[in-house]
Amino acid sequence: MNEVTTLSDSSQTTDNMSIRDLKSVSLKTRRLNIRPLQKKDCNALFKVYSDFKAMKYWNHSPYETINQAQLHIEKVLNSIENNTSLKLAMVQHSSDELIGTINLFNIHPESRRAEIGYILSSSFWGQGLMSEALSAFIDYCFETLRLNRLEAEINPENEASSRLLKKCGFKVEGLLKERWIVDGKVTDSEIYGLLSSNIGIKT
């Protein structure tokens, strides 16, 4: 894994990449508010990360204790404070409860690229919510952060995630054999990429 570059100055620009204060991010879609993770999200985050269906293809086991969710949030808040990565809570307009997360990490300002990740509670699958959130997040990454490239890594067996990424314009770029071992199970990783030029955005 490559070292994550610290984005310490919200006014910094590198090769036309606009580095903004990640603490202030707030996105709205037709059905969702997408905002930074907060301490009050702990119980809801635990529900999502202890959801065996949602965690089936994850790179670690489902959470077993609320303490794991608390530590997760502390780590996220520290990284947001330091502008090293970003994790947002997906919240429905009709409720203030977190139902999933979407994040940006492995940020490389000079190359204007970063990696994305996402998870949605299985109780909300089949409604197009993840597609709605990811589309808005991609626009934010390209239009506001001025990234040139986004990457995603998934388990090749995760067909739903593959369909989602392809729907959003990502293309399969490679396969990393036996990349993860989770609970003794060895799995491959499929690498996806999306360029701003692929969707007609000039950065």
C-alpha atoms as a PDB file:
ATOM      1  CA  MET A   1       0.000   0.000   0.000  1.00  0.00           C
ATOM      2  CA  ASN A   2       1.373   3.425  -0.930  1.00  0.00           C
ATOM      3  CA  GLU A   3       1.865   6.130   1.684  1.00  0.00           C
ATOM      4  CA  VAL A   4      -1.022   8.558   2.020  1.00  0.00           C
ATOM      5  CA  THR A   5      -0.036  12.176   1.456  1.00  0.00           C
ATOM      6  CA  THR A   6      -1.170  14.642   4.123  1.00  0.00           C
ATOM      7  CA  LEU A   7      -3.373  17.473   2.874  1.00  0.00           C
ATOM      8  CA  SER A   8      -2.644  19.931   5.673  1.00  0.00           C
ATOM      9  CA  ASP A   9      -3.503  23.236   4.037  1.00  0.00           C
ATOM     10  CA  SER A  10      -7.082  23.686   2.818  1.00  0.00           C
ATOM     11  CA  SER A  11      -5.974  26.403   0.404  1.00  0.00           C
ATOM     12  CA  GLN A  12      -3.165  24.293  -1.135  1.00  0.00           C
ATOM     13  CA  THR A  13      -3.243  23.470  -4.827  1.00  0.00           C
ATOM     14  CA  THR A  14      -1.014  20.980  -6.612  1.00  0.00           C
ATOM     15  CA  ASP A  15      -1.114  20.766 -10.407  1.00  0.00           C
ATOM     16  CA  ASN A  16      -4.537  22.455 -10.450  1.00  0.00           C
ATOM     17  CA  MET A  17      -5.908  20.052  -7.824  1.00  0.00           C
ATOM     18  CA  SER A  18      -8.042  22.048  -5.410  1.00  0.00           C
ATOM     19  CA  ILE A  19      -7.387  20.888  -1.827  1.00  0.00           C
ATOM     20  CA  ARG A  20     -10.274  21.944   0.372  1.00  0.00           C
ATOM     21  CA  ASP A  21     -11.076  21.508   4.034  1.00  0.00           C
ATOM     22  CA  LEU A  22     -12.523  18.001   4.192  1.00  0.00           C
ATOM     23  CA  LYS A  23     -14.341  18.811   7.458  1.00  0.00           C
ATOM     24  CA  SER A  24     -16.769  21.055   5.608  1.00  0.00           C
ATOM     25  CA  VAL A  25     -17.988  18.582   2.986  1.00  0.00           C
ATOM     26  CA  SER A  26     -21.768  18.282   2.684  1.00  0.00           C
ATOM     27  CA  LEU A  27     -23.544  16.793  -0.315  1.00  0.00           C
ATOM     28  CA  LYS A  28     -27.259  16.483  -0.966  1.00  0.00           C
ATOM     29  CA  THR A  29     -29.028  14.225  -3.439  1.00  0.00           C
ATOM     30  CA  ARG A  30     -32.706  13.604  -4.065  1.00  0.00           C
ATOM     31  CA  ARG A  31     -33.002  11.220  -1.116  1.00  0.00           C
ATOM     32  CA  LEU A  32     -29.766  11.561   0.836  1.00  0.00           C
ATOM     33  CA  ASN A  33     -27.663  13.867   2.946  1.00  0.00           C
ATOM     34  CA  ILE A  34     -23.994  12.936   2.677  1.00  0.00           C
ATOM     35  CA  ARG A  35     -21.963  14.467   5.492  1.00  0.00           C
ATOM     36  CA  PRO A  36     -18.817  13.814   7.571  1.00  0.00           C
ATOM     37  CA  LEU A  37     -19.024  10.985  10.076  1.00  0.00           C
ATOM     38  CA  GLN A  38     -19.846  12.115  13.640  1.00  0.00           C
ATOM     39  CA  LYS A  39     -19.570  10.604  17.124  1.00  0.00           C
ATOM     40  CA  LYS A  40     -23.352  10.340  17.315  1.00  0.00           C
ATOM     41  CA  ASP A  41     -23.234   7.854  14.417  1.00  0.00           C
ATOM     42  CA  CYS A  42     -21.592   5.171  16.566  1.00  0.00           C
ATOM     43  CA  ASN A  43     -24.596   2.868  17.086  1.00  0.00           C
ATOM     44  CA  ALA A  44     -25.713   3.128  13.463  1.00  0.00           C
ATOM     45  CA  LEU A  45     -22.176   2.562  12.217  1.00  0.00           C
ATOM     46  CA  PHE A  46     -21.955  -0.562  14.351  1.00  0.00           C
ATOM     47  CA  LYS A  47     -25.189  -1.853  12.778  1.00  0.00           C
ATOM     48  CA  VAL A  48     -23.736  -1.433   9.296  1.00  0.00           C
ATOM     49  CA  TYR A  49     -20.296  -2.895  10.054  1.00  0.00           C
ATOM     50  CA  SER A  50     -21.786  -5.841  11.942  1.00  0.00           C
ATOM     51  CA  ASP A  51     -24.135  -6.601   9.024  1.00  0.00           C
ATOM     52  CA  PHE A  52     -22.867  -9.939   7.692  1.00  0.00           C
ATOM     53  CA  LYS A  53     -24.464  -9.407   4.270  1.00  0.00           C
ATOM     54  CA  ALA A  54     -22.940  -5.945   3.822  1.00  0.00           C
ATOM     55  CA  MET A  55     -19.554  -7.148   5.091  1.00  0.00           C
ATOM     56  CA  LYS A  56     -19.417 -10.352   3.041  1.00  0.00           C
ATOM     57  CA  TYR A  57     -16.758  -9.065   0.633  1.00  0.00           C
ATOM     58  CA  TRP A  58     -15.006  -6.654   3.022  1.00  0.00           C
ATOM     59  CA  ASN A  59     -11.305  -6.812   3.842  1.00  0.00           C
ATOM     60  CA  HIS A  60     -11.932  -7.511   7.530  1.00  0.00           C
ATOM     61  CA  SER A  61     -14.443  -9.414   9.637  1.00  0.00           C
ATOM     62  CA  PRO A  62     -17.785  -7.881  10.723  1.00  0.00           C
ATOM     63  CA  TYR A  63     -17.659  -5.879  13.945  1.00  0.00           C
ATOM     64  CA  GLU A  64     -18.531  -7.718  17.128  1.00  0.00           C
ATOM     65  CA  THR A  65     -18.486  -4.892  19.691  1.00  0.00           C
ATOM     66  CA  ILE A  66     -19.590  -1.267  19.838  1.00  0.00           C
ATOM     67  CA  ASN A  67     -16.038  -0.387  20.880  1.00  0.00           C
ATOM     68  CA  GLN A  68     -14.862  -1.237  17.369  1.00  0.00           C
ATOM     69  CA  ALA A  69     -17.275   1.339  15.962  1.00  0.00           C
ATOM     70  CA  GLN A  70     -16.099   3.930  18.484  1.00  0.00           C
ATOM     71  CA  LEU A  71     -12.460   3.375  17.533  1.00  0.00           C
ATOM     72  CA  HIS A  72     -13.443   3.525  13.852  1.00  0.00           C
ATOM     73  CA  ILE A  73     -15.034   6.949  14.307  1.00  0.00           C
ATOM     74  CA  GLU A  74     -12.072   8.275  16.327  1.00  0.00           C
ATOM     75  CA  LYS A  75      -9.687   7.232  13.563  1.00  0.00           C
ATOM     76  CA  VAL A  76     -11.906   8.787  10.900  1.00  0.00           C
ATOM     77  CA  LEU A  77     -12.242  12.079  12.782  1.00  0.00           C
ATOM     78  CA  ASN A  78      -8.471  12.285  13.206  1.00  0.00           C
ATOM     79  CA  SER A  79      -7.885  11.696   9.506  1.00  0.00           C
ATOM     80  CA  ILE A  80     -10.484  14.313   8.559  1.00  0.00           C
ATOM     81  CA  GLU A  81      -8.935  16.794  11.000  1.00  0.00           C
ATOM     82  CA  ASN A  82      -5.580  16.239   9.312  1.00  0.00           C
ATOM     83  CA  ASN A  83      -7.072  16.239   5.799  1.00  0.00           C
ATOM     84  CA  THR A  84      -5.524  12.836   5.025  1.00  0.00           C
ATOM     85  CA  SER A  85      -8.730  11.010   4.085  1.00  0.00           C
ATOM     86  CA  LEU A  86     -12.464  11.485   4.092  1.00  0.00           C
ATOM     87  CA  LYS A  87     -15.331   9.274   5.223  1.00  0.00           C
ATOM     88  CA  LEU A  88     -18.900  10.481   4.828  1.00  0.00           C
ATOM     89  CA  ALA A  89     -22.106   9.222   6.379  1.00  0.00           C
ATOM     90  CA  MET A  90     -25.030   8.470   4.087  1.00  0.00           C
ATOM     91  CA  VAL A  91     -28.229   9.664   5.783  1.00  0.00           C
ATOM     92  CA  GLN A  92     -31.752   9.644   4.365  1.00  0.00           C
ATOM     93  CA  HIS A  93     -33.644  12.956   4.344  1.00  0.00           C
ATOM     94  CA  SER A  94     -36.432  11.303   6.314  1.00  0.00           C
ATOM     95  CA  SER A  95     -34.082  10.225   9.109  1.00  0.00           C
ATOM     96  CA  ASP A  96     -30.823  11.361  10.675  1.00  0.00           C
ATOM     97  CA  GLU A  97     -29.569   7.788  11.048  1.00  0.00           C
ATOM     98  CA  LEU A  98     -26.529   6.603   9.151  1.00  0.00           C
ATOM     99  CA  ILE A  99     -27.314   3.807   6.670  1.00  0.00           C
ATOM    100  CA  GLY A 100     -23.932   3.568   4.961  1.00  0.00           C
ATOM    101  CA  THR A 101     -20.627   5.297   4.346  1.00  0.00           C
ATOM    102  CA  ILE A 102     -18.565   6.445   1.388  1.00  0.00           C
ATOM    103  CA  ASN A 103     -14.916   7.362   1.614  1.00  0.00           C
ATOM    104  CA  LEU A 104     -11.888   8.783  -0.158  1.00  0.00           C
ATOM    105  CA  PHE A 105      -8.392   7.606   0.793  1.00  0.00           C
ATOM    106  CA  ASN A 106      -4.899   6.996  -0.586  1.00  0.00           C
ATOM    107  CA  ILE A 107      -5.033  10.593  -1.802  1.00  0.00           C
ATOM    108  CA  HIS A 108      -2.106  11.644  -4.002  1.00  0.00           C
ATOM    109  CA  PRO A 109      -2.305  15.396  -4.781  1.00  0.00           C
ATOM    110  CA  GLU A 110       0.591  15.478  -7.228  1.00  0.00           C
ATOM    111  CA  SER A 111      -0.949  12.710  -9.337  1.00  0.00           C
ATOM    112  CA  ARG A 112      -4.466  14.032  -8.635  1.00  0.00           C
ATOM    113  CA  ARG A 113      -5.816  10.601  -7.831  1.00  0.00           C
ATOM    114  CA  ALA A 114      -7.434   8.807  -4.910  1.00  0.00           C
ATOM    115  CA  GLU A 115      -9.229   5.596  -4.015  1.00  0.00           C
ATOM    116  CA  ILE A 116     -12.892   5.290  -3.074  1.00  0.00           C
ATOM    117  CA  GLY A 117     -14.749   2.831  -0.883  1.00  0.00           C
ATOM    118  CA  TYR A 118     -18.360   2.410   0.189  1.00  0.00           C
ATOM    119  CA  ILE A 119     -20.756   0.270   2.184  1.00  0.00           C
ATOM    120  CA  LEU A 120     -24.547   0.256   2.565  1.00  0.00           C
ATOM    121  CA  SER A 121     -26.689  -1.557   5.119  1.00  0.00           C
ATOM    122  CA  SER A 122     -28.315  -4.588   3.474  1.00  0.00           C
ATOM    123  CA  SER A 123     -31.690  -3.308   4.737  1.00  0.00           C
ATOM    124  CA  PHE A 124     -31.475  -0.576   2.084  1.00  0.00           C
ATOM    125  CA  TRP A 125     -30.252  -2.594  -0.890  1.00  0.00           C
ATOM    126  CA  GLY A 126     -32.197  -2.580  -4.149  1.00  0.00           C
ATOM    127  CA  GLN A 127     -33.337   1.047  -3.913  1.00  0.00           C
ATOM    128  CA  GLY A 128     -30.592   2.720  -5.963  1.00  0.00           C
ATOM    129  CA  LEU A 129     -29.301   4.624  -2.930  1.00  0.00           C
ATOM    130  CA  MET A 130     -25.668   3.614  -3.346  1.00  0.00           C
ATOM    131  CA  SER A 131     -25.721   4.594  -7.006  1.00  0.00           C
ATOM    132  CA  GLU A 132     -27.250   7.948  -6.067  1.00  0.00           C
ATOM    133  CA  ALA A 133     -24.606   8.591  -3.409  1.00  0.00           C
ATOM    134  CA  LEU A 134     -21.654   7.425  -5.489  1.00  0.00           C
ATOM    135  CA  SER A 135     -22.650   9.552  -8.485  1.00  0.00           C
ATOM    136  CA  ALA A 136     -22.781  12.667  -6.321  1.00  0.00           C
ATOM    137  CA  PHE A 137     -19.482  11.782  -4.663  1.00  0.00           C
ATOM    138  CA  ILE A 138     -17.745  11.243  -8.001  1.00  0.00           C
ATOM    139  CA  ASP A 139     -18.920  14.672  -9.171  1.00  0.00           C
ATOM    140  CA  TYR A 140     -17.537  16.196  -5.958  1.00  0.00           C
ATOM    141  CA  CYS A 141     -14.180  14.473  -6.420  1.00  0.00           C
ATOM    142  CA  PHE A 142     -13.757  15.602 -10.006  1.00  0.00           C
ATOM    143  CA  GLU A 143     -15.427  19.016  -9.985  1.00  0.00           C
ATOM    144  CA  THR A 144     -14.548  20.316  -6.503  1.00  0.00           C
ATOM    145  CA  LEU A 145     -11.377  18.451  -5.528  1.00  0.00           C
ATOM    146  CA  ARG A 146     -10.239  18.543  -9.161  1.00  0.00           C
ATOM    147  CA  LEU A 147      -9.028  14.954  -9.113  1.00  0.00           C
ATOM    148  CA  ASN A 148      -8.088  13.417 -12.432  1.00  0.00           C
ATOM    149  CA  ARG A 149      -8.427   9.746 -11.500  1.00  0.00           C
ATOM    150  CA  LEU A 150     -10.446   7.628  -9.086  1.00  0.00           C
ATOM    151  CA  GLU A 151      -9.713   4.006  -8.238  1.00  0.00           C
ATOM    152  CA  ALA A 152     -11.685   1.243  -6.548  1.00  0.00           C
ATOM    153  CA  GLU A 153     -10.755  -2.235  -5.384  1.00  0.00           C
ATOM    154  CA  ILE A 154     -13.375  -4.949  -4.949  1.00  0.00           C
ATOM    155  CA  ASN A 155     -13.684  -8.691  -4.539  1.00  0.00           C
ATOM    156  CA  PRO A 156     -14.287 -10.122  -8.051  1.00  0.00           C
ATOM    157  CA  GLU A 157     -17.159 -12.177  -6.617  1.00  0.00           C
ATOM    158  CA  ASN A 158     -18.998  -9.017  -5.591  1.00  0.00           C
ATOM    159  CA  GLU A 159     -21.157  -8.729  -8.698  1.00  0.00           C
ATOM    160  CA  ALA A 160     -23.406  -5.994  -7.289  1.00  0.00           C
ATOM    161  CA  SER A 161     -20.430  -3.735  -6.585  1.00  0.00           C
ATOM    162  CA  SER A 162     -19.026  -4.442 -10.038  1.00  0.00           C
ATOM    163  CA  ARG A 163     -22.320  -3.435 -11.651  1.00  0.00           C
ATOM    164  CA  LEU A 164     -22.415  -0.253  -9.561  1.00  0.00           C
ATOM    165  CA  LEU A 165     -18.921   0.817 -10.551  1.00  0.00           C
ATOM    166  CA  LYS A 166     -19.528   0.096 -14.231  1.00  0.00           C
ATOM    167  CA  LYS A 167     -22.798   2.021 -14.094  1.00  0.00           C
ATOM    168  CA  CYS A 168     -20.832   5.005 -12.779  1.00  0.00           C
ATOM    169  CA  GLY A 169     -18.310   4.739 -15.612  1.00  0.00           C
ATOM    170  CA  PHE A 170     -15.490   2.761 -14.006  1.00  0.00           C
ATOM    171  CA  LYS A 171     -13.591   0.227 -16.076  1.00  0.00           C
ATOM    172  CA  VAL A 172     -11.840  -2.967 -14.970  1.00  0.00           C
ATOM    173  CA  GLU A 173      -8.089  -2.437 -15.181  1.00  0.00           C
ATOM    174  CA  GLY A 174      -6.589  -5.510 -13.575  1.00  0.00           C
ATOM    175  CA  LEU A 175      -6.693  -8.415 -11.155  1.00  0.00           C
ATOM    176  CA  LEU A 176      -4.476  -8.833  -8.094  1.00  0.00           C
ATOM    177  CA  LYS A 177      -4.269 -12.492  -7.145  1.00  0.00           C
ATOM    178  CA  GLU A 178      -4.618 -13.611  -3.513  1.00  0.00           C
ATOM    179  CA  ARG A 179      -4.472 -10.037  -2.200  1.00  0.00           C
ATOM    180  CA  TRP A 180      -6.503 -10.560   0.995  1.00  0.00           C
ATOM    181  CA  ILE A 181      -6.809 -13.253   3.638  1.00  0.00           C
ATOM    182  CA  VAL A 182      -9.856 -12.662   5.857  1.00  0.00           C
ATOM    183  CA  ASP A 183     -10.817 -15.263   8.458  1.00  0.00           C
ATOM    184  CA  GLY A 184      -8.534 -17.699   6.695  1.00  0.00           C
ATOM    185  CA  LYS A 185     -10.144 -17.209   3.278  1.00  0.00           C
ATOM    186  CA  VAL A 186      -7.866 -16.077   0.448  1.00  0.00           C
ATOM    187  CA  THR A 187      -9.432 -13.716  -2.095  1.00  0.00           C
ATOM    188  CA  ASP A 188      -8.390 -11.781  -5.183  1.00  0.00           C
ATOM    189  CA  SER A 189      -8.919  -8.071  -5.840  1.00  0.00           C
ATOM    190  CA  GLU A 190     -10.304  -6.519  -8.998  1.00  0.00           C
ATOM    191  CA  ILE A 191      -9.055  -3.012  -9.743  1.00  0.00           C
ATOM    192  CA  TYR A 192     -11.301  -0.390 -11.342  1.00  0.00           C
ATOM    193  CA  GLY A 193     -10.416   3.073 -12.625  1.00  0.00           C
ATOM    194  CA  LEU A 194     -12.279   6.179 -13.745  1.00  0.00           C
ATOM    195  CA  LEU A 195     -10.769   9.283 -15.366  1.00  0.00           C
ATOM    196  CA  SER A 196     -12.397  12.694 -15.281  1.00  0.00           C
ATOM    197  CA  SER A 197     -12.130  12.729 -19.079  1.00  0.00           C
ATOM    198  CA  ASN A 198     -14.196   9.527 -19.248  1.00  0.00           C
ATOM    199  CA  ILE A 199     -17.249  11.469 -18.132  1.00  0.00           C
ATOM    200  CA  GLY A 200     -16.479  14.722 -19.915  1.00  0.00           C
ATOM    201  CA  ILE A 201     -15.074  16.716 -16.985  1.00  0.00           C
ATOM    202  CA  LYS A 202     -12.010  18.871 -17.606  1.00  0.00           C
ATOM    203  CA  THR A 203      -9.709  19.139 -14.597  1.00  0.00           C
END
